[in-house]
């Protein structure tokens, strides 16, 4: 079932009505403490929020969009020179090696200037530095936003070291990525769209495996999030469309942050429906730790009433499990502590 979203309203931390996607003003008009509480509430109850007044320069976003659009407009042979995605590089339709497909083309880059520069030689052979500059400027801006969100979450959760999360993604050997998706106009028929509850599947149902995801898209709709039923109506979980807003960022909790907070913050399932009328361009910064980073629930999140839900693991272990399963698989189920599930 797909229900309308109330994403345009700035919700108070005391009330998140069923089916509502919270909007958070990152300029903190009510003070830093209130902003931290609001972010924790959004990430605990929804795992997802819309960030406005976020501080990312509009010009940085525009430059990335221009560079990405220029790449996806190139002939197929030129784009394929930047692939295949293993996992970095250019891909089309096939998502991973386990049979998942979508109505999209995509480009996956390591969020490291040297790695971007290396890949830029085939992405923009005419002027590689033009592409590198656009990507690196954008990555720097969204990394800062991700760190700010994570520090505020640390404060709101009462961590002894509120920078515990952001230090993981700020490490020099961070495994963070930038994924740029291009969804051309879908050829889905009216019958297809009826069966799927809207449009054809652009990118199938999944959670993001990393710590935090920072998404920006153009003004084409398509993103949907699976919001939980709170028991008041007994209708079950519902897919809620997220209205497009190119001036905002949409931020969601990843699997690792759910594990680090012992399930206090929730990794949300989401998908993208392909449009039958206009193309969609999106860029997602996946904030991730180094491969060797040990992921375990922080002590403040483990209590007698909330025992440890997940066994410790490294990000490298989790990535291996991720690549071994399909998009929709609940990967955290593989890491539950002995004798505990859900």
C-alpha atoms as a PDB file:
ATOM      1  CA  UNK A   1       0.000   0.000   0.000  1.00  0.00           C
ATOM      2  CA  UNK A   2       1.234   3.500  -0.843  1.00  0.00           C
ATOM      3  CA  UNK A   3       0.036   6.439   1.241  1.00  0.00           C
ATOM      4  CA  UNK A   4       0.604  10.192   0.752  1.00  0.00           C
ATOM      5  CA  UNK A   5       3.422  11.884   2.629  1.00  0.00           C
ATOM      6  CA  UNK A   6       3.259  14.897   4.915  1.00  0.00           C
ATOM      7  CA  UNK A   7       6.933  15.621   4.322  1.00  0.00           C
ATOM      8  CA  UNK A   8       6.513  19.369   4.080  1.00  0.00           C
ATOM      9  CA  UNK A   9       5.759  19.898   7.769  1.00  0.00           C
ATOM     10  CA  UNK A  10       8.432  20.567  10.386  1.00  0.00           C
ATOM     11  CA  UNK A  11       7.395  18.062  13.036  1.00  0.00           C
ATOM     12  CA  UNK A  12       7.917  18.617  16.738  1.00  0.00           C
ATOM     13  CA  UNK A  13       9.984  15.950  18.512  1.00  0.00           C
ATOM     14  CA  UNK A  14       6.946  15.074  20.618  1.00  0.00           C
ATOM     15  CA  UNK A  15       4.736  13.982  17.738  1.00  0.00           C
ATOM     16  CA  UNK A  16       5.395  12.049  14.553  1.00  0.00           C
ATOM     17  CA  UNK A  17       1.978  11.131  13.136  1.00  0.00           C
ATOM     18  CA  UNK A  18       1.583   7.875  11.236  1.00  0.00           C
ATOM     19  CA  UNK A  19       2.868   8.163   7.673  1.00  0.00           C
ATOM     20  CA  UNK A  20       4.776  11.386   8.329  1.00  0.00           C
ATOM     21  CA  UNK A  21       8.313  12.072   7.169  1.00  0.00           C
ATOM     22  CA  UNK A  22       9.921  14.624   9.511  1.00  0.00           C
ATOM     23  CA  UNK A  23      11.508  17.808   8.235  1.00  0.00           C
ATOM     24  CA  UNK A  24      14.424  19.108  10.286  1.00  0.00           C
ATOM     25  CA  UNK A  25      15.741  22.680  10.113  1.00  0.00           C
ATOM     26  CA  UNK A  26      19.505  22.273  10.430  1.00  0.00           C
ATOM     27  CA  UNK A  27      19.946  25.980  11.217  1.00  0.00           C
ATOM     28  CA  UNK A  28      18.767  25.108  14.759  1.00  0.00           C
ATOM     29  CA  UNK A  29      16.274  27.956  15.300  1.00  0.00           C
ATOM     30  CA  UNK A  30      15.373  26.500  18.718  1.00  0.00           C
ATOM     31  CA  UNK A  31      18.946  25.806  19.784  1.00  0.00           C
ATOM     32  CA  UNK A  32      21.438  22.979  19.402  1.00  0.00           C
ATOM     33  CA  UNK A  33      19.955  20.844  22.181  1.00  0.00           C
ATOM     34  CA  UNK A  34      16.511  20.897  20.602  1.00  0.00           C
ATOM     35  CA  UNK A  35      18.003  20.096  17.196  1.00  0.00           C
ATOM     36  CA  UNK A  36      19.833  17.086  18.653  1.00  0.00           C
ATOM     37  CA  UNK A  37      16.627  15.801  20.272  1.00  0.00           C
ATOM     38  CA  UNK A  38      14.692  16.305  17.061  1.00  0.00           C
ATOM     39  CA  UNK A  39      17.246  14.332  15.039  1.00  0.00           C
ATOM     40  CA  UNK A  40      17.243  11.436  17.513  1.00  0.00           C
ATOM     41  CA  UNK A  41      13.450  11.317  17.442  1.00  0.00           C
ATOM     42  CA  UNK A  42      13.385  11.295  13.637  1.00  0.00           C
ATOM     43  CA  UNK A  43      16.062   8.605  13.360  1.00  0.00           C
ATOM     44  CA  UNK A  44      14.569   6.438  16.111  1.00  0.00           C
ATOM     45  CA  UNK A  45      10.982   6.520  14.851  1.00  0.00           C
ATOM     46  CA  UNK A  46      11.490   6.858  11.094  1.00  0.00           C
ATOM     47  CA  UNK A  47      15.174   6.325  10.332  1.00  0.00           C
ATOM     48  CA  UNK A  48      14.784   9.078   7.752  1.00  0.00           C
ATOM     49  CA  UNK A  49      14.311  12.838   7.588  1.00  0.00           C
ATOM     50  CA  UNK A  50      14.371  15.805   5.247  1.00  0.00           C
ATOM     51  CA  UNK A  51      17.121  18.312   6.070  1.00  0.00           C
ATOM     52  CA  UNK A  52      16.539  21.963   5.173  1.00  0.00           C
ATOM     53  CA  UNK A  53      18.832  24.958   5.759  1.00  0.00           C
ATOM     54  CA  UNK A  54      21.610  22.374   5.661  1.00  0.00           C
ATOM     55  CA  UNK A  55      24.502  24.611   4.652  1.00  0.00           C
ATOM     56  CA  UNK A  56      25.555  22.731   1.506  1.00  0.00           C
ATOM     57  CA  UNK A  57      26.199  25.387  -1.181  1.00  0.00           C
ATOM     58  CA  UNK A  58      23.664  25.284  -4.018  1.00  0.00           C
ATOM     59  CA  UNK A  59      26.501  25.867  -6.482  1.00  0.00           C
ATOM     60  CA  UNK A  60      28.281  22.699  -5.381  1.00  0.00           C
ATOM     61  CA  UNK A  61      25.125  20.671  -6.018  1.00  0.00           C
ATOM     62  CA  UNK A  62      24.560  22.361  -9.382  1.00  0.00           C
ATOM     63  CA  UNK A  63      28.122  21.631 -10.518  1.00  0.00           C
ATOM     64  CA  UNK A  64      27.793  17.966  -9.622  1.00  0.00           C
ATOM     65  CA  UNK A  65      24.457  17.723 -11.439  1.00  0.00           C
ATOM     66  CA  UNK A  66      25.987  19.292 -14.546  1.00  0.00           C
ATOM     67  CA  UNK A  67      28.990  16.939 -14.499  1.00  0.00           C
ATOM     68  CA  UNK A  68      26.776  13.887 -13.941  1.00  0.00           C
ATOM     69  CA  UNK A  69      24.281  14.877 -16.631  1.00  0.00           C
ATOM     70  CA  UNK A  70      27.092  15.398 -19.123  1.00  0.00           C
ATOM     71  CA  UNK A  71      28.427  11.912 -18.380  1.00  0.00           C
ATOM     72  CA  UNK A  72      25.085  10.117 -18.681  1.00  0.00           C
ATOM     73  CA  UNK A  73      24.397  11.940 -21.974  1.00  0.00           C
ATOM     74  CA  UNK A  74      27.516  10.393 -23.558  1.00  0.00           C
ATOM     75  CA  UNK A  75      27.270   7.466 -26.009  1.00  0.00           C
ATOM     76  CA  UNK A  76      26.967   4.041 -24.382  1.00  0.00           C
ATOM     77  CA  UNK A  77      30.453   2.963 -25.496  1.00  0.00           C
ATOM     78  CA  UNK A  78      32.071   5.934 -23.759  1.00  0.00           C
ATOM     79  CA  UNK A  79      30.138   5.336 -20.544  1.00  0.00           C
ATOM     80  CA  UNK A  80      31.000   1.650 -20.530  1.00  0.00           C
ATOM     81  CA  UNK A  81      34.691   2.600 -20.522  1.00  0.00           C
ATOM     82  CA  UNK A  82      34.122   3.732 -16.917  1.00  0.00           C
ATOM     83  CA  UNK A  83      32.790   0.307 -15.904  1.00  0.00           C
ATOM     84  CA  UNK A  84      31.955  -2.353 -15.094  1.00  0.00           C
ATOM     85  CA  UNK A  85      31.049  -1.615 -11.456  1.00  0.00           C
ATOM     86  CA  UNK A  86      33.261  -3.986  -9.464  1.00  0.00           C
ATOM     87  CA  UNK A  87      31.936  -2.396  -7.265  1.00  0.00           C
ATOM     88  CA  UNK A  88      33.226   1.033  -8.387  1.00  0.00           C
ATOM     89  CA  UNK A  89      32.541   2.419 -11.838  1.00  0.00           C
ATOM     90  CA  UNK A  90      29.678   2.626 -14.313  1.00  0.00           C
ATOM     91  CA  UNK A  91      26.755   0.216 -14.429  1.00  0.00           C
ATOM     92  CA  UNK A  92      23.397  -0.101 -16.128  1.00  0.00           C
ATOM     93  CA  UNK A  93      20.347  -2.042 -14.910  1.00  0.00           C
ATOM     94  CA  UNK A  94      22.224  -4.867 -13.172  1.00  0.00           C
ATOM     95  CA  UNK A  95      22.697  -4.024  -9.483  1.00  0.00           C
ATOM     96  CA  UNK A  96      25.308  -6.306  -7.977  1.00  0.00           C
ATOM     97  CA  UNK A  97      25.854  -9.940  -8.874  1.00  0.00           C
ATOM     98  CA  UNK A  98      22.774 -11.537  -7.340  1.00  0.00           C
ATOM     99  CA  UNK A  99      20.122 -10.884  -9.971  1.00  0.00           C
ATOM    100  CA  UNK A 100      18.840  -7.480  -8.870  1.00  0.00           C
ATOM    101  CA  UNK A 101      17.975  -5.111 -11.710  1.00  0.00           C
ATOM    102  CA  UNK A 102      16.529  -1.620 -11.979  1.00  0.00           C
ATOM    103  CA  UNK A 103      15.504   0.973 -14.533  1.00  0.00           C
ATOM    104  CA  UNK A 104      18.647   3.034 -14.152  1.00  0.00           C
ATOM    105  CA  UNK A 105      22.239   3.805 -15.029  1.00  0.00           C
ATOM    106  CA  UNK A 106      24.684   4.586 -12.254  1.00  0.00           C
ATOM    107  CA  UNK A 107      28.194   5.630 -11.388  1.00  0.00           C
ATOM    108  CA  UNK A 108      29.862   4.606  -8.101  1.00  0.00           C
ATOM    109  CA  UNK A 109      32.958   6.468  -6.920  1.00  0.00           C
ATOM    110  CA  UNK A 110      35.142   6.162  -3.861  1.00  0.00           C
ATOM    111  CA  UNK A 111      34.855   9.425  -1.899  1.00  0.00           C
ATOM    112  CA  UNK A 112      38.587  10.028  -2.017  1.00  0.00           C
ATOM    113  CA  UNK A 113      40.138  12.765  -4.208  1.00  0.00           C
ATOM    114  CA  UNK A 114      42.878  10.515  -5.588  1.00  0.00           C
ATOM    115  CA  UNK A 115      40.395   7.769  -6.492  1.00  0.00           C
ATOM    116  CA  UNK A 116      38.064  10.300  -8.126  1.00  0.00           C
ATOM    117  CA  UNK A 117      40.945  11.771 -10.148  1.00  0.00           C
ATOM    118  CA  UNK A 118      41.928   8.316 -11.386  1.00  0.00           C
ATOM    119  CA  UNK A 119      38.399   7.476 -12.528  1.00  0.00           C
ATOM    120  CA  UNK A 120      37.871  10.929 -14.053  1.00  0.00           C
ATOM    121  CA  UNK A 121      40.318  10.155 -16.853  1.00  0.00           C
ATOM    122  CA  UNK A 122      37.706   7.859 -18.437  1.00  0.00           C
ATOM    123  CA  UNK A 123      34.588   9.665 -17.180  1.00  0.00           C
ATOM    124  CA  UNK A 124      35.587  13.017 -18.686  1.00  0.00           C
ATOM    125  CA  UNK A 125      38.539  12.360 -20.961  1.00  0.00           C
ATOM    126  CA  UNK A 126      38.328  15.888 -22.426  1.00  0.00           C
ATOM    127  CA  UNK A 127      38.905  17.565 -19.054  1.00  0.00           C
ATOM    128  CA  UNK A 128      39.282  15.122 -16.140  1.00  0.00           C
ATOM    129  CA  UNK A 129      39.956  17.907 -13.638  1.00  0.00           C
ATOM    130  CA  UNK A 130      36.542  19.415 -14.414  1.00  0.00           C
ATOM    131  CA  UNK A 131      34.779  16.263 -13.229  1.00  0.00           C
ATOM    132  CA  UNK A 132      37.127  15.759 -10.267  1.00  0.00           C
ATOM    133  CA  UNK A 133      36.635  19.309  -9.031  1.00  0.00           C
ATOM    134  CA  UNK A 134      32.844  19.024  -9.138  1.00  0.00           C
ATOM    135  CA  UNK A 135      32.789  15.684  -7.320  1.00  0.00           C
ATOM    136  CA  UNK A 136      35.359  16.588  -4.668  1.00  0.00           C
ATOM    137  CA  UNK A 137      33.696  19.910  -3.873  1.00  0.00           C
ATOM    138  CA  UNK A 138      30.360  18.158  -3.437  1.00  0.00           C
ATOM    139  CA  UNK A 139      31.749  15.271  -1.390  1.00  0.00           C
ATOM    140  CA  UNK A 140      33.511  17.663   0.972  1.00  0.00           C
ATOM    141  CA  UNK A 141      30.268  19.577   1.567  1.00  0.00           C
ATOM    142  CA  UNK A 142      28.053  16.546   2.177  1.00  0.00           C
ATOM    143  CA  UNK A 143      30.703  14.880   4.359  1.00  0.00           C
ATOM    144  CA  UNK A 144      30.592  17.942   6.593  1.00  0.00           C
ATOM    145  CA  UNK A 145      26.803  17.698   6.752  1.00  0.00           C
ATOM    146  CA  UNK A 146      26.982  13.988   7.594  1.00  0.00           C
ATOM    147  CA  UNK A 147      29.517  14.634  10.370  1.00  0.00           C
ATOM    148  CA  UNK A 148      27.356  17.387  11.825  1.00  0.00           C
ATOM    149  CA  UNK A 149      24.298  15.129  11.851  1.00  0.00           C
ATOM    150  CA  UNK A 150      26.255  12.298  13.474  1.00  0.00           C
ATOM    151  CA  UNK A 151      27.708  14.577  16.168  1.00  0.00           C
ATOM    152  CA  UNK A 152      24.238  15.894  16.976  1.00  0.00           C
ATOM    153  CA  UNK A 153      22.924  12.341  17.184  1.00  0.00           C
ATOM    154  CA  UNK A 154      25.778  11.517  19.555  1.00  0.00           C
ATOM    155  CA  UNK A 155      24.786  14.456  21.745  1.00  0.00           C
ATOM    156  CA  UNK A 156      21.103  13.582  21.622  1.00  0.00           C
ATOM    157  CA  UNK A 157      21.824   9.986  22.608  1.00  0.00           C
ATOM    158  CA  UNK A 158      23.925  11.157  25.556  1.00  0.00           C
ATOM    159  CA  UNK A 159      27.153   9.517  24.410  1.00  0.00           C
ATOM    160  CA  UNK A 160      30.227  10.221  26.541  1.00  0.00           C
ATOM    161  CA  UNK A 161      32.031  11.003  23.282  1.00  0.00           C
ATOM    162  CA  UNK A 162      29.472  12.578  20.910  1.00  0.00           C
ATOM    163  CA  UNK A 163      31.995  12.336  18.057  1.00  0.00           C
ATOM    164  CA  UNK A 164      32.066   8.516  18.210  1.00  0.00           C
ATOM    165  CA  UNK A 165      30.108   8.209  14.965  1.00  0.00           C
ATOM    166  CA  UNK A 166      31.658  11.028  12.956  1.00  0.00           C
ATOM    167  CA  UNK A 167      35.216   9.904  13.738  1.00  0.00           C
ATOM    168  CA  UNK A 168      34.484   6.669  11.905  1.00  0.00           C
ATOM    169  CA  UNK A 169      33.692   8.452   8.642  1.00  0.00           C
ATOM    170  CA  UNK A 170      36.378  11.127   9.060  1.00  0.00           C
ATOM    171  CA  UNK A 171      39.225   8.608   9.135  1.00  0.00           C
ATOM    172  CA  UNK A 172      41.724   8.934   6.298  1.00  0.00           C
ATOM    173  CA  UNK A 173      40.962   5.362   5.216  1.00  0.00           C
ATOM    174  CA  UNK A 174      37.202   5.790   5.325  1.00  0.00           C
ATOM    175  CA  UNK A 175      35.357   3.566   2.845  1.00  0.00           C
ATOM    176  CA  UNK A 176      32.731   6.207   2.013  1.00  0.00           C
ATOM    177  CA  UNK A 177      31.263   6.272  -1.491  1.00  0.00           C
ATOM    178  CA  UNK A 178      29.385   8.598  -3.811  1.00  0.00           C
ATOM    179  CA  UNK A 179      26.724   6.965  -5.968  1.00  0.00           C
ATOM    180  CA  UNK A 180      25.126   8.908  -8.813  1.00  0.00           C
ATOM    181  CA  UNK A 181      21.950   7.382 -10.248  1.00  0.00           C
ATOM    182  CA  UNK A 182      20.251   8.311 -13.499  1.00  0.00           C
ATOM    183  CA  UNK A 183      16.733   7.001 -14.098  1.00  0.00           C
ATOM    184  CA  UNK A 184      15.672   7.598 -17.706  1.00  0.00           C
ATOM    185  CA  UNK A 185      11.992   7.909 -18.535  1.00  0.00           C
ATOM    186  CA  UNK A 186      10.462   4.510 -17.832  1.00  0.00           C
ATOM    187  CA  UNK A 187       8.823   2.448 -20.567  1.00  0.00           C
ATOM    188  CA  UNK A 188       6.493   0.866 -17.999  1.00  0.00           C
ATOM    189  CA  UNK A 189       2.964   0.362 -19.278  1.00  0.00           C
ATOM    190  CA  UNK A 190      -0.190   1.401 -17.484  1.00  0.00           C
ATOM    191  CA  UNK A 191      -0.666  -2.236 -16.446  1.00  0.00           C
ATOM    192  CA  UNK A 192       2.864  -2.360 -14.988  1.00  0.00           C
ATOM    193  CA  UNK A 193       2.331   0.813 -12.985  1.00  0.00           C
ATOM    194  CA  UNK A 194      -0.973  -0.444 -11.634  1.00  0.00           C
ATOM    195  CA  UNK A 195       0.586  -3.695 -10.430  1.00  0.00           C
ATOM    196  CA  UNK A 196       3.506  -1.908  -8.764  1.00  0.00           C
ATOM    197  CA  UNK A 197       1.320   0.663  -7.037  1.00  0.00           C
ATOM    198  CA  UNK A 198       2.634   3.580  -9.082  1.00  0.00           C
ATOM    199  CA  UNK A 199       5.473   3.168 -11.563  1.00  0.00           C
ATOM    200  CA  UNK A 200       7.947   0.483 -12.560  1.00  0.00           C
ATOM    201  CA  UNK A 201      10.733  -0.321 -10.117  1.00  0.00           C
ATOM    202  CA  UNK A 202      13.709   1.951 -10.645  1.00  0.00           C
ATOM    203  CA  UNK A 203      15.735   0.621  -7.689  1.00  0.00           C
ATOM    204  CA  UNK A 204      14.351  -2.192  -5.556  1.00  0.00           C
ATOM    205  CA  UNK A 205      13.539  -2.322  -1.854  1.00  0.00           C
ATOM    206  CA  UNK A 206      16.621  -2.265   0.397  1.00  0.00           C
ATOM    207  CA  UNK A 207      18.322  -0.719   3.396  1.00  0.00           C
ATOM    208  CA  UNK A 208      21.645   1.092   3.103  1.00  0.00           C
ATOM    209  CA  UNK A 209      24.497  -0.862   4.725  1.00  0.00           C
ATOM    210  CA  UNK A 210      26.733   2.057   5.738  1.00  0.00           C
ATOM    211  CA  UNK A 211      26.459   4.436   8.726  1.00  0.00           C
ATOM    212  CA  UNK A 212      24.522   7.305   7.146  1.00  0.00           C
ATOM    213  CA  UNK A 213      23.231   8.171   3.669  1.00  0.00           C
ATOM    214  CA  UNK A 214      22.887  11.737   2.398  1.00  0.00           C
ATOM    215  CA  UNK A 215      20.691  11.957  -0.700  1.00  0.00           C
ATOM    216  CA  UNK A 216      19.884  14.784  -3.051  1.00  0.00           C
ATOM    217  CA  UNK A 217      17.806  14.448  -6.238  1.00  0.00           C
ATOM    218  CA  UNK A 218      16.463  16.698  -8.953  1.00  0.00           C
ATOM    219  CA  UNK A 219      12.801  17.713  -8.998  1.00  0.00           C
ATOM    220  CA  UNK A 220      11.500  14.327 -10.213  1.00  0.00           C
ATOM    221  CA  UNK A 221       9.557  12.197  -7.722  1.00  0.00           C
ATOM    222  CA  UNK A 222      10.166   8.480  -7.242  1.00  0.00           C
ATOM    223  CA  UNK A 223      11.679   7.863  -3.805  1.00  0.00           C
ATOM    224  CA  UNK A 224       9.499   5.905  -1.374  1.00  0.00           C
ATOM    225  CA  UNK A 225      10.202   4.865   2.229  1.00  0.00           C
ATOM    226  CA  UNK A 226       8.621   2.006   4.156  1.00  0.00           C
ATOM    227  CA  UNK A 227       7.238   3.513   7.343  1.00  0.00           C
ATOM    228  CA  UNK A 228       6.189   1.239  10.192  1.00  0.00           C
ATOM    229  CA  UNK A 229       2.642   0.874  11.438  1.00  0.00           C
ATOM    230  CA  UNK A 230       2.589   2.050  15.050  1.00  0.00           C
ATOM    231  CA  UNK A 231      -0.258  -0.296  15.960  1.00  0.00           C
ATOM    232  CA  UNK A 232      -2.962   2.345  16.015  1.00  0.00           C
ATOM    233  CA  UNK A 233      -4.570   1.240  12.761  1.00  0.00           C
ATOM    234  CA  UNK A 234      -3.237  -2.261  12.317  1.00  0.00           C
ATOM    235  CA  UNK A 235      -2.718  -1.590   8.619  1.00  0.00           C
ATOM    236  CA  UNK A 236       0.843  -2.876   8.499  1.00  0.00           C
ATOM    237  CA  UNK A 237       3.906  -1.084   7.176  1.00  0.00           C
ATOM    238  CA  UNK A 238       3.195   1.361   4.350  1.00  0.00           C
ATOM    239  CA  UNK A 239       5.164   2.741   1.421  1.00  0.00           C
ATOM    240  CA  UNK A 240       5.158   6.533   1.603  1.00  0.00           C
ATOM    241  CA  UNK A 241       6.156   8.639  -1.433  1.00  0.00           C
ATOM    242  CA  UNK A 242       8.739  11.328  -0.696  1.00  0.00           C
ATOM    243  CA  UNK A 243       7.975  14.533  -2.639  1.00  0.00           C
ATOM    244  CA  UNK A 244      11.010  15.755  -4.550  1.00  0.00           C
ATOM    245  CA  UNK A 245      12.822  18.834  -3.257  1.00  0.00           C
ATOM    246  CA  UNK A 246      16.143  19.612  -4.971  1.00  0.00           C
ATOM    247  CA  UNK A 247      16.914  22.283  -2.358  1.00  0.00           C
ATOM    248  CA  UNK A 248      16.840  19.747   0.499  1.00  0.00           C
ATOM    249  CA  UNK A 249      18.771  16.643   1.499  1.00  0.00           C
ATOM    250  CA  UNK A 250      17.141  13.401   2.565  1.00  0.00           C
ATOM    251  CA  UNK A 251      19.142  11.597   5.222  1.00  0.00           C
ATOM    252  CA  UNK A 252      18.657   8.057   6.407  1.00  0.00           C
ATOM    253  CA  UNK A 253      20.128   5.752   9.020  1.00  0.00           C
ATOM    254  CA  UNK A 254      22.204   2.863   7.664  1.00  0.00           C
ATOM    255  CA  UNK A 255      22.607  -0.672   9.000  1.00  0.00           C
ATOM    256  CA  UNK A 256      25.879   0.124  10.779  1.00  0.00           C
ATOM    257  CA  UNK A 257      24.325   2.994  12.732  1.00  0.00           C
ATOM    258  CA  UNK A 258      21.489   0.729  13.796  1.00  0.00           C
ATOM    259  CA  UNK A 259      24.075  -1.767  15.083  1.00  0.00           C
ATOM    260  CA  UNK A 260      26.203   0.933  16.761  1.00  0.00           C
ATOM    261  CA  UNK A 261      23.128   2.199  18.655  1.00  0.00           C
ATOM    262  CA  UNK A 262      21.931  -1.307  19.563  1.00  0.00           C
ATOM    263  CA  UNK A 263      18.795  -0.808  17.485  1.00  0.00           C
ATOM    264  CA  UNK A 264      17.900   2.560  19.007  1.00  0.00           C
ATOM    265  CA  UNK A 265      18.153   4.220  15.585  1.00  0.00           C
ATOM    266  CA  UNK A 266      16.569   2.297  12.720  1.00  0.00           C
ATOM    267  CA  UNK A 267      17.822   1.581   9.217  1.00  0.00           C
ATOM    268  CA  UNK A 268      14.876   2.298   6.940  1.00  0.00           C
ATOM    269  CA  UNK A 269      13.827   0.294   3.905  1.00  0.00           C
ATOM    270  CA  UNK A 270      13.330   2.354   0.766  1.00  0.00           C
ATOM    271  CA  UNK A 271      13.003   2.055  -3.010  1.00  0.00           C
ATOM    272  CA  UNK A 272      12.782   4.216  -6.127  1.00  0.00           C
ATOM    273  CA  UNK A 273       9.933   4.019  -8.617  1.00  0.00           C
ATOM    274  CA  UNK A 274      10.844   4.918 -12.192  1.00  0.00           C
ATOM    275  CA  UNK A 275       8.903   7.768 -13.749  1.00  0.00           C
ATOM    276  CA  UNK A 276       7.012   7.329 -17.008  1.00  0.00           C
ATOM    277  CA  UNK A 277       7.194  11.051 -17.726  1.00  0.00           C
ATOM    278  CA  UNK A 278      10.614  12.479 -16.832  1.00  0.00           C
ATOM    279  CA  UNK A 279      14.163  11.373 -15.922  1.00  0.00           C
ATOM    280  CA  UNK A 280      15.463  11.429 -12.357  1.00  0.00           C
ATOM    281  CA  UNK A 281      19.034  12.222 -11.285  1.00  0.00           C
ATOM    282  CA  UNK A 282      20.171  11.584  -7.727  1.00  0.00           C
ATOM    283  CA  UNK A 283      23.439  11.583  -5.796  1.00  0.00           C
ATOM    284  CA  UNK A 284      23.913   9.656  -2.560  1.00  0.00           C
ATOM    285  CA  UNK A 285      26.867  10.023  -0.227  1.00  0.00           C
ATOM    286  CA  UNK A 286      27.282   6.795   1.739  1.00  0.00           C
ATOM    287  CA  UNK A 287      29.218   7.600   4.913  1.00  0.00           C
ATOM    288  CA  UNK A 288      31.195   4.509   5.885  1.00  0.00           C
ATOM    289  CA  UNK A 289      34.056   3.618   8.243  1.00  0.00           C
ATOM    290  CA  UNK A 290      37.396   2.027   7.316  1.00  0.00           C
ATOM    291  CA  UNK A 291      37.162  -1.625   6.317  1.00  0.00           C
ATOM    292  CA  UNK A 292      38.899  -2.714   9.525  1.00  0.00           C
ATOM    293  CA  UNK A 293      36.573  -0.689  11.793  1.00  0.00           C
ATOM    294  CA  UNK A 294      34.964  -2.781  14.517  1.00  0.00           C
ATOM    295  CA  UNK A 295      31.216  -2.273  14.701  1.00  0.00           C
ATOM    296  CA  UNK A 296      29.723  -2.937  18.110  1.00  0.00           C
ATOM    297  CA  UNK A 297      26.974  -1.337  20.165  1.00  0.00           C
ATOM    298  CA  UNK A 298      28.281   1.602  22.170  1.00  0.00           C
ATOM    299  CA  UNK A 299      28.202   0.968  25.944  1.00  0.00           C
ATOM    300  CA  UNK A 300      25.619   3.701  26.584  1.00  0.00           C
ATOM    301  CA  UNK A 301      23.110   1.864  24.384  1.00  0.00           C
ATOM    302  CA  UNK A 302      23.365  -1.499  26.161  1.00  0.00           C
ATOM    303  CA  UNK A 303      21.376  -1.883  29.389  1.00  0.00           C
ATOM    304  CA  UNK A 304      19.683  -4.601  31.400  1.00  0.00           C
ATOM    305  CA  UNK A 305      16.467  -3.742  29.628  1.00  0.00           C
ATOM    306  CA  UNK A 306      18.151  -3.497  26.232  1.00  0.00           C
ATOM    307  CA  UNK A 307      20.764  -6.257  25.996  1.00  0.00           C
ATOM    308  CA  UNK A 308      23.201  -6.387  23.106  1.00  0.00           C
ATOM    309  CA  UNK A 309      21.300  -7.176  19.881  1.00  0.00           C
ATOM    310  CA  UNK A 310      24.214  -7.710  17.494  1.00  0.00           C
ATOM    311  CA  UNK A 311      27.552  -9.436  17.777  1.00  0.00           C
ATOM    312  CA  UNK A 312      30.643  -7.344  16.980  1.00  0.00           C
ATOM    313  CA  UNK A 313      31.806  -7.393  13.358  1.00  0.00           C
ATOM    314  CA  UNK A 314      33.991  -5.372  11.025  1.00  0.00           C
ATOM    315  CA  UNK A 315      32.782  -3.305   8.120  1.00  0.00           C
ATOM    316  CA  UNK A 316      34.736  -5.656   5.826  1.00  0.00           C
ATOM    317  CA  UNK A 317      32.743  -8.620   7.188  1.00  0.00           C
ATOM    318  CA  UNK A 318      29.489  -6.767   6.667  1.00  0.00           C
ATOM    319  CA  UNK A 319      30.381  -5.804   3.088  1.00  0.00           C
ATOM    320  CA  UNK A 320      31.129  -9.442   2.307  1.00  0.00           C
ATOM    321  CA  UNK A 321      27.688 -10.429   3.595  1.00  0.00           C
ATOM    322  CA  UNK A 322      26.122  -7.582   1.646  1.00  0.00           C
ATOM    323  CA  UNK A 323      27.605  -8.719  -1.667  1.00  0.00           C
ATOM    324  CA  UNK A 324      26.539 -12.312  -1.003  1.00  0.00           C
ATOM    325  CA  UNK A 325      22.827 -11.479  -0.761  1.00  0.00           C
ATOM    326  CA  UNK A 326      20.161  -9.710  -2.756  1.00  0.00           C
ATOM    327  CA  UNK A 327      19.203  -6.094  -2.169  1.00  0.00           C
ATOM    328  CA  UNK A 328      16.082  -6.882  -0.153  1.00  0.00           C
ATOM    329  CA  UNK A 329      17.820  -9.255   2.275  1.00  0.00           C
ATOM    330  CA  UNK A 330      17.862  -8.129   5.913  1.00  0.00           C
ATOM    331  CA  UNK A 331      21.624  -8.362   6.387  1.00  0.00           C
ATOM    332  CA  UNK A 332      21.583  -7.415  10.064  1.00  0.00           C
ATOM    333  CA  UNK A 333      19.756 -10.691  10.742  1.00  0.00           C
ATOM    334  CA  UNK A 334      23.045 -12.417  10.004  1.00  0.00           C
ATOM    335  CA  UNK A 335      24.764 -10.614  12.884  1.00  0.00           C
ATOM    336  CA  UNK A 336      22.289 -10.982  15.734  1.00  0.00           C
ATOM    337  CA  UNK A 337      23.812 -11.833  19.072  1.00  0.00           C
ATOM    338  CA  UNK A 338      23.503 -15.476  20.052  1.00  0.00           C
ATOM    339  CA  UNK A 339      19.943 -16.423  20.885  1.00  0.00           C
ATOM    340  CA  UNK A 340      18.420 -13.086  19.899  1.00  0.00           C
ATOM    341  CA  UNK A 341      16.543 -12.002  16.769  1.00  0.00           C
ATOM    342  CA  UNK A 342      14.693  -8.854  15.746  1.00  0.00           C
END
